[in-house]
Amino acid sequence: MADPQQPSPTDRSDADDVEQHACPKCDAQPGSPCRSRGGAVATAYHTRRFTLVPRLKKALRVPTPADRTPGRPWRPGTPPPVPIDPDLPSADIRIGYARCCHRILELC
């Protein structure tokens, strides 16, 4: 079963992959978007940063997603979750509710 704390590789966005690395141009630390000279969140990641991600190496531009509030003053958000040690014992927890309707013409 996949680790619920870490998104699977298919759930990761370009921004998540870029933000794993520090930016050599604006000194943004891992886990935060690039910043402009004025301190606002940049509208696109700096080239030297997104080229550190192999699949984005040939991209011409990687825009900063709207949820990172590009164009606004940068404020630290929630720090990225610390990876869970795989050697620690854990148990699967199932949370949820399922319902099945067998009536064809009626909505449940």
N, C-alpha and C. Protein backbone atom coordinates (compact mmCIF):
# COMPACT_ATOMS: atom_id res chain seq x y z
N MET A 1 0.85 -1.18 0.00
CA MET A 1 0.00 0.00 0.00
C MET A 1 0.89 1.24 0.00
N ALA A 2 0.48 2.28 -0.72
CA ALA A 2 1.28 3.50 -0.82
C ALA A 2 1.24 4.27 0.50
N ASP A 3 2.29 5.01 0.74
CA ASP A 3 2.39 5.82 1.96
C ASP A 3 1.43 7.00 1.85
N PRO A 4 0.46 7.19 2.78
CA PRO A 4 -0.51 8.27 2.67
C PRO A 4 0.12 9.65 2.85
N GLN A 5 1.28 9.73 3.49
CA GLN A 5 1.92 11.03 3.70
C GLN A 5 2.56 11.56 2.42
N GLN A 6 3.08 10.67 1.59
CA GLN A 6 3.79 11.07 0.39
C GLN A 6 2.91 10.81 -0.83
N PRO A 7 2.75 11.83 -1.73
CA PRO A 7 1.96 11.58 -2.92
C PRO A 7 2.68 10.58 -3.83
N SER A 8 1.90 9.77 -4.53
CA SER A 8 2.52 8.83 -5.45
C SER A 8 3.12 9.61 -6.61
N PRO A 9 4.05 9.02 -7.35
CA PRO A 9 4.68 9.74 -8.46
C PRO A 9 3.68 10.28 -9.48
N THR A 10 2.53 9.61 -9.65
CA THR A 10 1.55 10.10 -10.60
C THR A 10 0.74 11.27 -10.05
N ASP A 11 0.70 11.44 -8.72
CA ASP A 11 -0.04 12.54 -8.11
C ASP A 11 0.79 13.81 -8.00
N ARG A 12 2.08 13.70 -8.21
CA ARG A 12 2.97 14.84 -8.07
C ARG A 12 2.83 15.78 -9.26
N SER A 13 2.83 17.07 -8.97
CA SER A 13 2.78 18.06 -10.04
C SER A 13 4.19 18.50 -10.40
N ASP A 14 4.30 19.26 -11.49
CA ASP A 14 5.59 19.82 -11.86
C ASP A 14 6.12 20.69 -10.73
N ALA A 15 5.24 21.46 -10.10
CA ALA A 15 5.65 22.35 -9.01
C ALA A 15 6.23 21.55 -7.84
N ASP A 16 5.61 20.44 -7.50
CA ASP A 16 6.13 19.61 -6.40
C ASP A 16 7.54 19.12 -6.70
N ASP A 17 7.75 18.70 -7.95
CA ASP A 17 9.07 18.19 -8.32
C ASP A 17 10.12 19.30 -8.35
N VAL A 18 9.75 20.47 -8.85
CA VAL A 18 10.69 21.60 -8.90
C VAL A 18 11.04 22.05 -7.49
N GLU A 19 10.04 22.11 -6.62
CA GLU A 19 10.26 22.63 -5.27
C GLU A 19 11.00 21.66 -4.36
N GLN A 20 11.38 20.51 -4.85
CA GLN A 20 12.23 19.60 -4.07
C GLN A 20 13.65 20.14 -4.00
N HIS A 21 14.00 21.03 -4.91
CA HIS A 21 15.36 21.55 -5.01
C HIS A 21 15.40 23.02 -4.58
N ALA A 22 16.53 23.45 -4.03
CA ALA A 22 16.73 24.87 -3.74
C ALA A 22 16.98 25.60 -5.06
N CYS A 23 16.61 26.87 -5.11
CA CYS A 23 16.81 27.65 -6.34
C CYS A 23 18.16 28.35 -6.28
N PRO A 24 19.05 28.09 -7.26
CA PRO A 24 20.35 28.74 -7.26
C PRO A 24 20.29 30.22 -7.59
N LYS A 25 19.16 30.69 -8.17
CA LYS A 25 19.08 32.11 -8.55
C LYS A 25 18.52 32.98 -7.43
N CYS A 26 17.40 32.57 -6.83
CA CYS A 26 16.76 33.42 -5.82
C CYS A 26 16.93 32.90 -4.40
N ASP A 27 17.67 31.80 -4.23
CA ASP A 27 17.92 31.20 -2.93
C ASP A 27 16.67 30.70 -2.21
N ALA A 28 15.60 30.41 -2.99
CA ALA A 28 14.40 29.82 -2.39
C ALA A 28 14.76 28.42 -1.90
N GLN A 29 14.39 28.11 -0.70
CA GLN A 29 14.69 26.81 -0.11
C GLN A 29 13.73 25.75 -0.62
N PRO A 30 14.11 24.48 -0.53
CA PRO A 30 13.19 23.41 -0.94
C PRO A 30 11.86 23.53 -0.21
N GLY A 31 10.78 23.33 -0.94
CA GLY A 31 9.45 23.41 -0.35
C GLY A 31 8.78 24.76 -0.56
N SER A 32 9.46 25.71 -1.22
CA SER A 32 8.84 27.01 -1.47
C SER A 32 9.07 27.43 -2.92
N PRO A 33 8.18 28.27 -3.47
CA PRO A 33 8.33 28.70 -4.86
C PRO A 33 9.43 29.74 -5.02
N CYS A 34 9.82 29.98 -6.26
CA CYS A 34 10.82 31.01 -6.56
C CYS A 34 10.23 32.38 -6.27
N ARG A 35 11.12 33.33 -6.03
CA ARG A 35 10.68 34.69 -5.72
C ARG A 35 11.34 35.70 -6.66
N SER A 36 10.64 36.80 -6.87
CA SER A 36 11.17 37.88 -7.70
C SER A 36 12.13 38.73 -6.87
N ARG A 37 12.77 39.70 -7.52
CA ARG A 37 13.68 40.60 -6.80
C ARG A 37 12.96 41.39 -5.71
N GLY A 38 11.68 41.68 -5.95
CA GLY A 38 10.88 42.43 -4.97
C GLY A 38 10.36 41.58 -3.82
N GLY A 39 10.59 40.28 -3.85
CA GLY A 39 10.15 39.42 -2.76
C GLY A 39 8.81 38.75 -2.99
N ALA A 40 8.16 39.02 -4.13
CA ALA A 40 6.88 38.38 -4.44
C ALA A 40 7.15 36.99 -5.02
N VAL A 41 6.13 36.14 -4.98
CA VAL A 41 6.25 34.82 -5.59
C VAL A 41 6.34 35.02 -7.11
N ALA A 42 7.35 34.44 -7.73
CA ALA A 42 7.56 34.58 -9.17
C ALA A 42 6.45 33.88 -9.94
N THR A 43 6.14 34.39 -11.13
CA THR A 43 5.08 33.79 -11.95
C THR A 43 5.53 32.50 -12.62
N ALA A 44 6.86 32.29 -12.70
CA ALA A 44 7.40 31.05 -13.25
C ALA A 44 8.66 30.70 -12.47
N TYR A 45 8.96 29.41 -12.43
CA TYR A 45 10.17 28.95 -11.74
C TYR A 45 11.39 29.36 -12.55
N HIS A 46 12.48 29.67 -11.88
CA HIS A 46 13.72 30.03 -12.56
C HIS A 46 14.27 28.82 -13.30
N THR A 47 14.81 29.07 -14.50
CA THR A 47 15.29 28.00 -15.37
C THR A 47 16.30 27.09 -14.70
N ARG A 48 17.25 27.69 -13.98
CA ARG A 48 18.28 26.85 -13.35
C ARG A 48 17.68 25.91 -12.32
N ARG A 49 16.50 26.22 -11.80
CA ARG A 49 15.86 25.35 -10.81
C ARG A 49 15.09 24.22 -11.48
N PHE A 50 14.24 24.54 -12.47
CA PHE A 50 13.42 23.46 -13.03
C PHE A 50 14.22 22.53 -13.93
N THR A 51 15.40 22.94 -14.38
CA THR A 51 16.22 22.02 -15.17
C THR A 51 16.86 20.93 -14.30
N LEU A 52 16.76 21.05 -12.98
CA LEU A 52 17.24 20.01 -12.08
C LEU A 52 16.32 18.79 -12.09
N VAL A 53 15.10 18.97 -12.62
CA VAL A 53 14.14 17.86 -12.74
C VAL A 53 14.30 17.29 -14.16
N PRO A 54 14.77 16.05 -14.30
CA PRO A 54 15.08 15.50 -15.63
C PRO A 54 13.96 15.64 -16.66
N ARG A 55 12.71 15.38 -16.29
CA ARG A 55 11.64 15.44 -17.29
C ARG A 55 11.28 16.87 -17.69
N LEU A 56 11.72 17.88 -16.92
CA LEU A 56 11.44 19.27 -17.25
C LEU A 56 12.66 19.99 -17.85
N LYS A 57 13.74 19.26 -18.02
CA LYS A 57 15.01 19.86 -18.46
C LYS A 57 14.88 20.61 -19.78
N LYS A 58 14.07 20.10 -20.70
CA LYS A 58 13.95 20.73 -22.01
C LYS A 58 12.78 21.71 -22.10
N ALA A 59 12.05 21.89 -21.01
CA ALA A 59 10.93 22.85 -21.03
C ALA A 59 11.47 24.27 -21.14
N LEU A 60 10.71 25.12 -21.80
CA LEU A 60 11.13 26.51 -21.92
C LEU A 60 10.71 27.35 -20.73
N ARG A 61 9.61 26.93 -20.08
CA ARG A 61 9.08 27.70 -18.96
C ARG A 61 8.20 26.78 -18.13
N VAL A 62 8.29 26.89 -16.81
CA VAL A 62 7.41 26.14 -15.92
C VAL A 62 6.69 27.16 -15.04
N PRO A 63 5.41 27.40 -15.30
CA PRO A 63 4.68 28.42 -14.53
C PRO A 63 4.45 27.98 -13.08
N THR A 64 4.40 28.96 -12.20
CA THR A 64 4.08 28.71 -10.80
C THR A 64 2.58 28.54 -10.69
N PRO A 65 2.08 27.46 -10.06
CA PRO A 65 0.64 27.24 -9.98
C PRO A 65 -0.07 28.32 -9.15
N ALA A 66 -1.35 28.50 -9.43
CA ALA A 66 -2.14 29.53 -8.76
C ALA A 66 -2.20 29.33 -7.25
N ASP A 67 -2.14 28.07 -6.77
CA ASP A 67 -2.22 27.85 -5.33
C ASP A 67 -0.98 28.34 -4.59
N ARG A 68 0.09 28.68 -5.32
CA ARG A 68 1.29 29.26 -4.69
C ARG A 68 1.22 30.78 -4.68
N THR A 69 0.12 31.36 -5.15
CA THR A 69 -0.16 32.81 -5.20
C THR A 69 0.94 33.63 -5.87
N PRO A 70 1.22 33.35 -7.16
CA PRO A 70 2.23 34.15 -7.85
C PRO A 70 1.83 35.62 -7.95
N GLY A 71 2.81 36.49 -7.84
CA GLY A 71 2.57 37.93 -7.91
C GLY A 71 2.30 38.57 -6.57
N ARG A 72 2.06 37.79 -5.56
CA ARG A 72 1.81 38.34 -4.21
C ARG A 72 3.06 38.19 -3.36
N PRO A 73 3.18 39.00 -2.32
CA PRO A 73 4.35 38.85 -1.44
C PRO A 73 4.45 37.44 -0.89
N TRP A 74 5.67 36.90 -0.88
CA TRP A 74 5.87 35.54 -0.40
C TRP A 74 5.73 35.49 1.11
N ARG A 75 4.97 34.51 1.57
CA ARG A 75 4.83 34.24 2.99
C ARG A 75 5.05 32.75 3.19
N PRO A 76 5.82 32.38 4.21
CA PRO A 76 6.03 30.94 4.42
C PRO A 76 4.70 30.25 4.72
N GLY A 77 4.53 29.12 4.13
CA GLY A 77 3.32 28.33 4.36
C GLY A 77 3.60 27.17 5.27
N THR A 78 2.81 26.16 5.13
CA THR A 78 3.01 24.95 5.91
C THR A 78 4.25 24.24 5.40
N PRO A 79 5.18 23.90 6.27
CA PRO A 79 6.38 23.21 5.79
C PRO A 79 6.01 21.85 5.21
N PRO A 80 6.79 21.38 4.24
CA PRO A 80 6.47 20.07 3.66
C PRO A 80 6.57 18.98 4.72
N PRO A 81 5.73 17.95 4.63
CA PRO A 81 5.76 16.89 5.63
C PRO A 81 7.09 16.15 5.61
N VAL A 82 7.53 15.79 6.78
CA VAL A 82 8.77 15.03 6.92
C VAL A 82 8.49 13.59 6.52
N PRO A 83 9.33 12.99 5.68
CA PRO A 83 9.08 11.60 5.29
C PRO A 83 9.08 10.68 6.51
N ILE A 84 8.19 9.71 6.48
CA ILE A 84 8.08 8.73 7.57
C ILE A 84 9.15 7.67 7.38
N ASP A 85 9.81 7.33 8.45
CA ASP A 85 10.85 6.31 8.41
C ASP A 85 10.22 4.97 8.03
N PRO A 86 10.66 4.35 6.93
CA PRO A 86 10.04 3.08 6.52
C PRO A 86 10.29 1.94 7.49
N ASP A 87 11.25 2.10 8.40
CA ASP A 87 11.52 1.04 9.37
C ASP A 87 10.56 1.05 10.55
N LEU A 88 9.79 2.13 10.71
CA LEU A 88 8.83 2.19 11.82
C LEU A 88 7.63 1.29 11.53
N PRO A 89 7.15 0.58 12.54
CA PRO A 89 5.97 -0.26 12.32
C PRO A 89 4.73 0.62 12.12
N SER A 90 3.87 0.20 11.24
CA SER A 90 2.64 0.95 11.00
C SER A 90 1.52 -0.02 10.69
N ALA A 91 0.32 0.48 10.73
CA ALA A 91 -0.86 -0.34 10.42
C ALA A 91 -1.71 0.42 9.42
N ASP A 92 -2.31 -0.30 8.50
CA ASP A 92 -3.21 0.33 7.55
C ASP A 92 -4.49 0.73 8.27
N ILE A 93 -4.98 1.91 7.94
CA ILE A 93 -6.22 2.39 8.53
C ILE A 93 -7.18 2.64 7.38
N ARG A 94 -8.32 2.06 7.45
CA ARG A 94 -9.33 2.26 6.41
C ARG A 94 -10.42 3.15 6.96
N ILE A 95 -10.63 4.24 6.26
CA ILE A 95 -11.67 5.17 6.66
C ILE A 95 -12.56 5.37 5.44
N GLY A 96 -13.86 5.24 5.63
CA GLY A 96 -14.73 5.46 4.49
C GLY A 96 -16.06 4.77 4.65
N TYR A 97 -16.89 4.98 3.65
CA TYR A 97 -18.22 4.41 3.63
C TYR A 97 -18.58 4.17 2.18
N ALA A 98 -19.11 3.02 1.87
CA ALA A 98 -19.52 2.72 0.52
C ALA A 98 -20.98 2.30 0.52
N ARG A 99 -21.68 2.67 -0.55
CA ARG A 99 -23.08 2.31 -0.68
C ARG A 99 -23.33 1.92 -2.12
N CYS A 100 -24.10 0.89 -2.30
CA CYS A 100 -24.38 0.41 -3.64
C CYS A 100 -25.89 0.39 -3.85
N CYS A 101 -26.34 0.85 -4.99
CA CYS A 101 -27.76 0.87 -5.31
C CYS A 101 -28.01 -0.13 -6.44
N HIS A 102 -28.95 -1.00 -6.23
CA HIS A 102 -29.24 -2.01 -7.24
C HIS A 102 -30.46 -1.65 -8.09
N ARG A 103 -31.06 -0.54 -7.81
CA ARG A 103 -32.22 -0.10 -8.61
C ARG A 103 -31.70 0.57 -9.87
N ILE A 104 -32.16 0.16 -11.00
CA ILE A 104 -31.64 0.67 -12.26
C ILE A 104 -32.24 2.02 -12.62
N LEU A 105 -33.52 2.20 -12.44
CA LEU A 105 -34.17 3.42 -12.90
C LEU A 105 -34.24 4.51 -11.83
N GLU A 106 -33.98 4.22 -10.60
CA GLU A 106 -34.07 5.22 -9.55
C GLU A 106 -32.68 5.63 -9.12
N LEU A 107 -32.57 6.85 -8.69
CA LEU A 107 -31.29 7.34 -8.15
C LEU A 107 -31.22 7.01 -6.67
N CYS A 108 -30.08 6.73 -6.19
CA CYS A 108 -29.90 6.41 -4.77
C CYS A 108 -29.91 7.70 -3.97
